[in-house]
C-alpha atoms as a PDB file:
ATOM      1  CA  MET A   1      91.087 120.579 -77.368  1.00  0.00           C
ATOM      2  CA  PHE A   2      94.596 120.317 -75.950  1.00  0.00           C
ATOM      3  CA  GLY A   3      93.930 123.171 -73.477  1.00  0.00           C
ATOM      4  CA  ILE A   4      93.843 125.726 -76.305  1.00  0.00           C
ATOM      5  CA  GLY A   5      90.714 127.292 -74.861  1.00  0.00           C
ATOM      6  CA  PHE A   6      92.785 128.700 -71.999  1.00  0.00           C
ATOM      7  CA  LEU A   7      95.177 130.601 -74.299  1.00  0.00           C
ATOM      8  CA  PRO A   8      94.646 134.206 -75.382  1.00  0.00           C
ATOM      9  CA  VAL A   9      92.299 134.412 -78.416  1.00  0.00           C
ATOM     10  CA  PRO A  10      91.172 130.786 -78.038  1.00  0.00           C
ATOM     11  CA  GLY A  11      88.963 130.732 -81.147  1.00  0.00           C
ATOM     12  CA  THR A  12      91.793 131.901 -83.369  1.00  0.00           C
ATOM     13  CA  MET A  13      94.209 129.455 -81.761  1.00  0.00           C
ATOM     14  CA  GLY A  14      91.697 126.636 -82.240  1.00  0.00           C
ATOM     15  CA  SER A  15      91.429 127.479 -85.929  1.00  0.00           C
ATOM     16  CA  LEU A  16      95.220 127.544 -86.299  1.00  0.00           C
ATOM     17  CA  ILE A  17      95.595 124.158 -84.606  1.00  0.00           C
ATOM     18  CA  THR A  18      92.918 122.836 -86.958  1.00  0.00           C
ATOM     19  CA  ILE A  19      95.066 123.853 -89.916  1.00  0.00           C
ATOM     20  CA  ILE A  20      98.022 121.945 -88.451  1.00  0.00           C
ATOM     21  CA  ILE A  21      95.861 118.861 -87.873  1.00  0.00           C
ATOM     22  CA  TYR A  22      94.494 119.160 -91.426  1.00  0.00           C
ATOM     23  CA  TYR A  23      98.043 119.431 -92.805  1.00  0.00           C
ATOM     24  CA  LEU A  24      99.097 116.275 -90.969  1.00  0.00           C
ATOM     25  CA  PHE A  25      96.068 114.317 -92.188  1.00  0.00           C
ATOM     26  CA  TYR A  26      96.389 115.624 -95.754  1.00  0.00           C
ATOM     27  CA  ASN A  27     100.117 114.955 -96.097  1.00  0.00           C
ATOM     28  CA  TYR A  28     100.618 111.854 -93.966  1.00  0.00           C
ATOM     29  CA  LEU A  29      97.300 110.014 -93.985  1.00  0.00           C
ATOM     30  CA  ASN A  30      94.391 110.726 -96.274  1.00  0.00           C
ATOM     31  CA  ILE A  31      91.659 113.337 -96.686  1.00  0.00           C
ATOM     32  CA  ILE A  32      89.070 110.553 -96.256  1.00  0.00           C
ATOM     33  CA  PHE A  33      90.472 109.847 -92.776  1.00  0.00           C
ATOM     34  CA  PHE A  34      90.184 113.567 -92.036  1.00  0.00           C
ATOM     35  CA  ILE A  35      86.508 113.555 -93.050  1.00  0.00           C
ATOM     36  CA  PHE A  36      85.793 110.548 -90.814  1.00  0.00           C
ATOM     37  CA  PHE A  37      87.719 112.235 -88.005  1.00  0.00           C
ATOM     38  CA  ILE A  38      85.604 115.395 -88.345  1.00  0.00           C
ATOM     39  CA  ILE A  39      82.393 113.342 -88.241  1.00  0.00           C
ATOM     40  CA  LEU A  40      83.599 111.446 -85.185  1.00  0.00           C
ATOM     41  CA  VAL A  41      84.580 114.687 -83.419  1.00  0.00           C
ATOM     42  CA  PHE A  42      81.218 116.246 -84.313  1.00  0.00           C
ATOM     43  CA  PHE A  43      79.142 113.457 -82.761  1.00  0.00           C
ATOM     44  CA  TYR A  44      81.416 113.108 -79.744  1.00  0.00           C
ATOM     45  CA  SER A  45      81.272 116.884 -79.183  1.00  0.00           C
ATOM     46  CA  LEU A  46      77.477 116.928 -79.333  1.00  0.00           C
ATOM     47  CA  TYR A  47      77.330 114.109 -76.799  1.00  0.00           C
ATOM     48  CA  PHE A  48      79.997 115.551 -74.493  1.00  0.00           C
ATOM     49  CA  LEU A  49      78.710 119.136 -74.617  1.00  0.00           C
ATOM     50  CA  ASN A  50      75.114 118.078 -74.005  1.00  0.00           C
ATOM     51  CA  LYS A  51      76.276 116.235 -70.892  1.00  0.00           C
ATOM     52  CA  THR A  52      78.579 118.885 -69.442  1.00  0.00           C
ATOM     53  CA  LEU A  53      77.750 122.326 -70.839  1.00  0.00           C
ATOM     54  CA  ASN A  54      75.181 123.411 -68.247  1.00  0.00           C
ATOM     55  CA  GLN A  55      76.886 121.632 -65.353  1.00  0.00           C
ATOM     56  CA  SER A  56      80.482 122.754 -65.844  1.00  0.00           C
ATOM     57  CA  PHE A  57      80.281 126.213 -67.419  1.00  0.00           C
ATOM     58  CA  SER A  58      78.533 129.436 -66.509  1.00  0.00           C
ATOM     59  CA  SER A  59      78.171 130.498 -70.161  1.00  0.00           C
ATOM     60  CA  SER A  60      76.141 128.688 -72.813  1.00  0.00           C
ATOM     61  CA  ASP A  61      79.062 129.101 -75.277  1.00  0.00           C
ATOM     62  CA  PRO A  62      82.217 129.207 -73.158  1.00  0.00           C
ATOM     63  CA  LYS A  63      85.401 130.477 -74.795  1.00  0.00           C
ATOM     64  CA  GLU A  64      87.321 127.566 -73.274  1.00  0.00           C
ATOM     65  CA  ILE A  65      85.574 125.205 -75.679  1.00  0.00           C
ATOM     66  CA  VAL A  66      87.232 125.388 -79.097  1.00  0.00           C
ATOM     67  CA  ILE A  67      86.208 122.054 -80.580  1.00  0.00           C
ATOM     68  CA  ASP A  68      83.470 123.952 -82.415  1.00  0.00           C
ATOM     69  CA  GLU A  69      86.188 125.980 -84.162  1.00  0.00           C
ATOM     70  CA  PHE A  70      87.867 122.731 -85.161  1.00  0.00           C
ATOM     71  CA  ILE A  71      84.661 121.446 -86.737  1.00  0.00           C
ATOM     72  CA  GLY A  72      83.805 124.712 -88.486  1.00  0.00           C
ATOM     73  CA  GLN A  73      87.336 125.454 -89.745  1.00  0.00           C
ATOM     74  CA  SER A  74      87.625 121.893 -91.074  1.00  0.00           C
ATOM     75  CA  ILE A  75      84.751 122.356 -93.521  1.00  0.00           C
ATOM     76  CA  PRO A  76      86.445 124.816 -95.919  1.00  0.00           C
ATOM     77  CA  LEU A  77      89.793 123.072 -95.573  1.00  0.00           C
ATOM     78  CA  LEU A  78      88.298 120.046 -97.320  1.00  0.00           C
ATOM     79  CA  ILE A  79      88.566 121.818-100.687  1.00  0.00           C
ATOM     80  CA  CYS A  80      91.854 123.640-100.093  1.00  0.00           C
ATOM     81  CA  GLY A  81      94.126 120.716-100.890  1.00  0.00           C
ATOM     82  CA  ASN A  82      97.730 121.697-100.261  1.00  0.00           C
ATOM     83  CA  ASN A  83      97.210 125.225-101.616  1.00  0.00           C
ATOM     84  CA  PHE A  84      98.759 127.581 -99.050  1.00  0.00           C
ATOM     85  CA  PHE A  85      96.821 130.606-100.337  1.00  0.00           C
ATOM     86  CA  LEU A  86      93.460 128.815-100.032  1.00  0.00           C
ATOM     87  CA  ILE A  87      94.322 127.530 -96.573  1.00  0.00           C
ATOM     88  CA  ILE A  88      95.147 131.064 -95.359  1.00  0.00           C
ATOM     89  CA  LEU A  89      92.046 132.431 -97.101  1.00  0.00           C
ATOM     90  CA  SER A  90      89.913 129.774 -95.393  1.00  0.00           C
ATOM     91  CA  PHE A  91      91.392 130.718 -92.025  1.00  0.00           C
ATOM     92  CA  LEU A  92      90.767 134.449 -92.506  1.00  0.00           C
ATOM     93  CA  LEU A  93      87.251 134.045 -93.878  1.00  0.00           C
ATOM     94  CA  PHE A  94      86.276 131.514 -91.245  1.00  0.00           C
ATOM     95  CA  ARG A  95      87.468 133.786 -88.438  1.00  0.00           C
ATOM     96  CA  LEU A  96      85.579 136.715 -90.018  1.00  0.00           C
ATOM     97  CA  PHE A  97      82.338 134.724 -90.221  1.00  0.00           C
ATOM     98  CA  ASP A  98      82.847 133.163 -86.804  1.00  0.00           C
ATOM     99  CA  ILE A  99      83.297 136.575 -85.194  1.00  0.00           C
ATOM    100  CA  THR A 100      80.580 138.479 -87.103  1.00  0.00           C
ATOM    101  CA  LYS A 101      78.107 135.567 -87.124  1.00  0.00           C
ATOM    102  CA  PRO A 102      75.978 136.423 -90.180  1.00  0.00           C
ATOM    103  CA  TRP A 103      72.484 134.929 -90.171  1.00  0.00           C
ATOM    104  CA  PRO A 104      71.658 132.085 -89.507  1.00  0.00           C
ATOM    105  CA  ALA A 105      74.830 131.696 -87.388  1.00  0.00           C
ATOM    106  CA  SER A 106      73.645 134.560 -85.182  1.00  0.00           C
ATOM    107  CA  TYR A 107      70.344 132.760 -84.606  1.00  0.00           C
ATOM    108  CA  PHE A 108      72.103 129.644 -83.324  1.00  0.00           C
ATOM    109  CA  ASP A 109      74.504 131.721 -81.238  1.00  0.00           C
ATOM    110  CA  LEU A 110      71.813 133.832 -79.586  1.00  0.00           C
ATOM    111  CA  LYS A 111      68.766 131.546 -79.421  1.00  0.00           C
ATOM    112  CA  ILE A 112      69.971 127.959 -79.104  1.00  0.00           C
ATOM    113  CA  LYS A 113      71.595 127.593 -75.685  1.00  0.00           C
ATOM    114  CA  ASN A 114      72.874 124.040 -75.891  1.00  0.00           C
ATOM    115  CA  ALA A 115      75.504 121.964 -77.708  1.00  0.00           C
ATOM    116  CA  THR A 116      73.715 122.414 -81.022  1.00  0.00           C
ATOM    117  CA  GLY A 117      73.959 126.201 -80.717  1.00  0.00           C
ATOM    118  CA  VAL A 118      77.624 126.059 -79.723  1.00  0.00           C
ATOM    119  CA  ILE A 119      78.560 123.938 -82.733  1.00  0.00           C
ATOM    120  CA  MET A 120      76.117 125.126 -85.416  1.00  0.00           C
ATOM    121  CA  ASP A 121      77.235 128.765 -85.554  1.00  0.00           C
ATOM    122  CA  ASP A 122      80.738 127.532 -86.410  1.00  0.00           C
ATOM    123  CA  ILE A 123      79.444 125.020 -88.935  1.00  0.00           C
ATOM    124  CA  ILE A 124      77.549 127.814 -90.669  1.00  0.00           C
ATOM    125  CA  ALA A 125      80.681 129.997 -90.667  1.00  0.00           C
ATOM    126  CA  GLY A 126      82.530 127.027 -92.175  1.00  0.00           C
ATOM    127  CA  ILE A 127      79.871 126.552 -94.853  1.00  0.00           C
ATOM    128  CA  TYR A 128      79.975 130.244 -95.803  1.00  0.00           C
ATOM    129  CA  THR A 129      83.765 130.022 -96.063  1.00  0.00           C
ATOM    130  CA  PHE A 130      83.519 126.806 -98.088  1.00  0.00           C
ATOM    131  CA  LEU A 131      81.146 128.448-100.576  1.00  0.00           C
ATOM    132  CA  ILE A 132      83.371 131.486-101.084  1.00  0.00           C
ATOM    133  CA  ILE A 133      86.477 129.349-101.591  1.00  0.00           C
ATOM    134  CA  TYR A 134      84.564 127.056-103.948  1.00  0.00           C
ATOM    135  CA  LEU A 135      83.553 130.074-106.017  1.00  0.00           C
ATOM    136  CA  CYS A 136      87.193 131.259-106.076  1.00  0.00           C
ATOM    137  CA  ILE A 137      88.570 127.970-107.400  1.00  0.00           C
END
């Protein structure tokens, strides 16, 4: 995703870029387009990662790949609207869950060594973040 995976703290940078992309979609296009974009990225990522993960990378979840952060961080942003506080809260909570990987995210991270494992731990972190933000609203 734009070479972000080669920067220091690639997961955090991927989440920050996701917020910028969300902001652009929310303010200049439409949230529905953002949802379709997320779905498109999800299926493309599954396809691409399944083809290249084992051939091109030595790790089963390489830090250079941050598209999973984009997908996971996008989930809680869907209910943040243009609320700056909720957007920052979603970023902080998502990063916390992405780093600590509470169950079942840890299961996918440790046991599923393919594209599904790479993406699902971030989706679960995004769902946990979504639920907390939903309860805060």
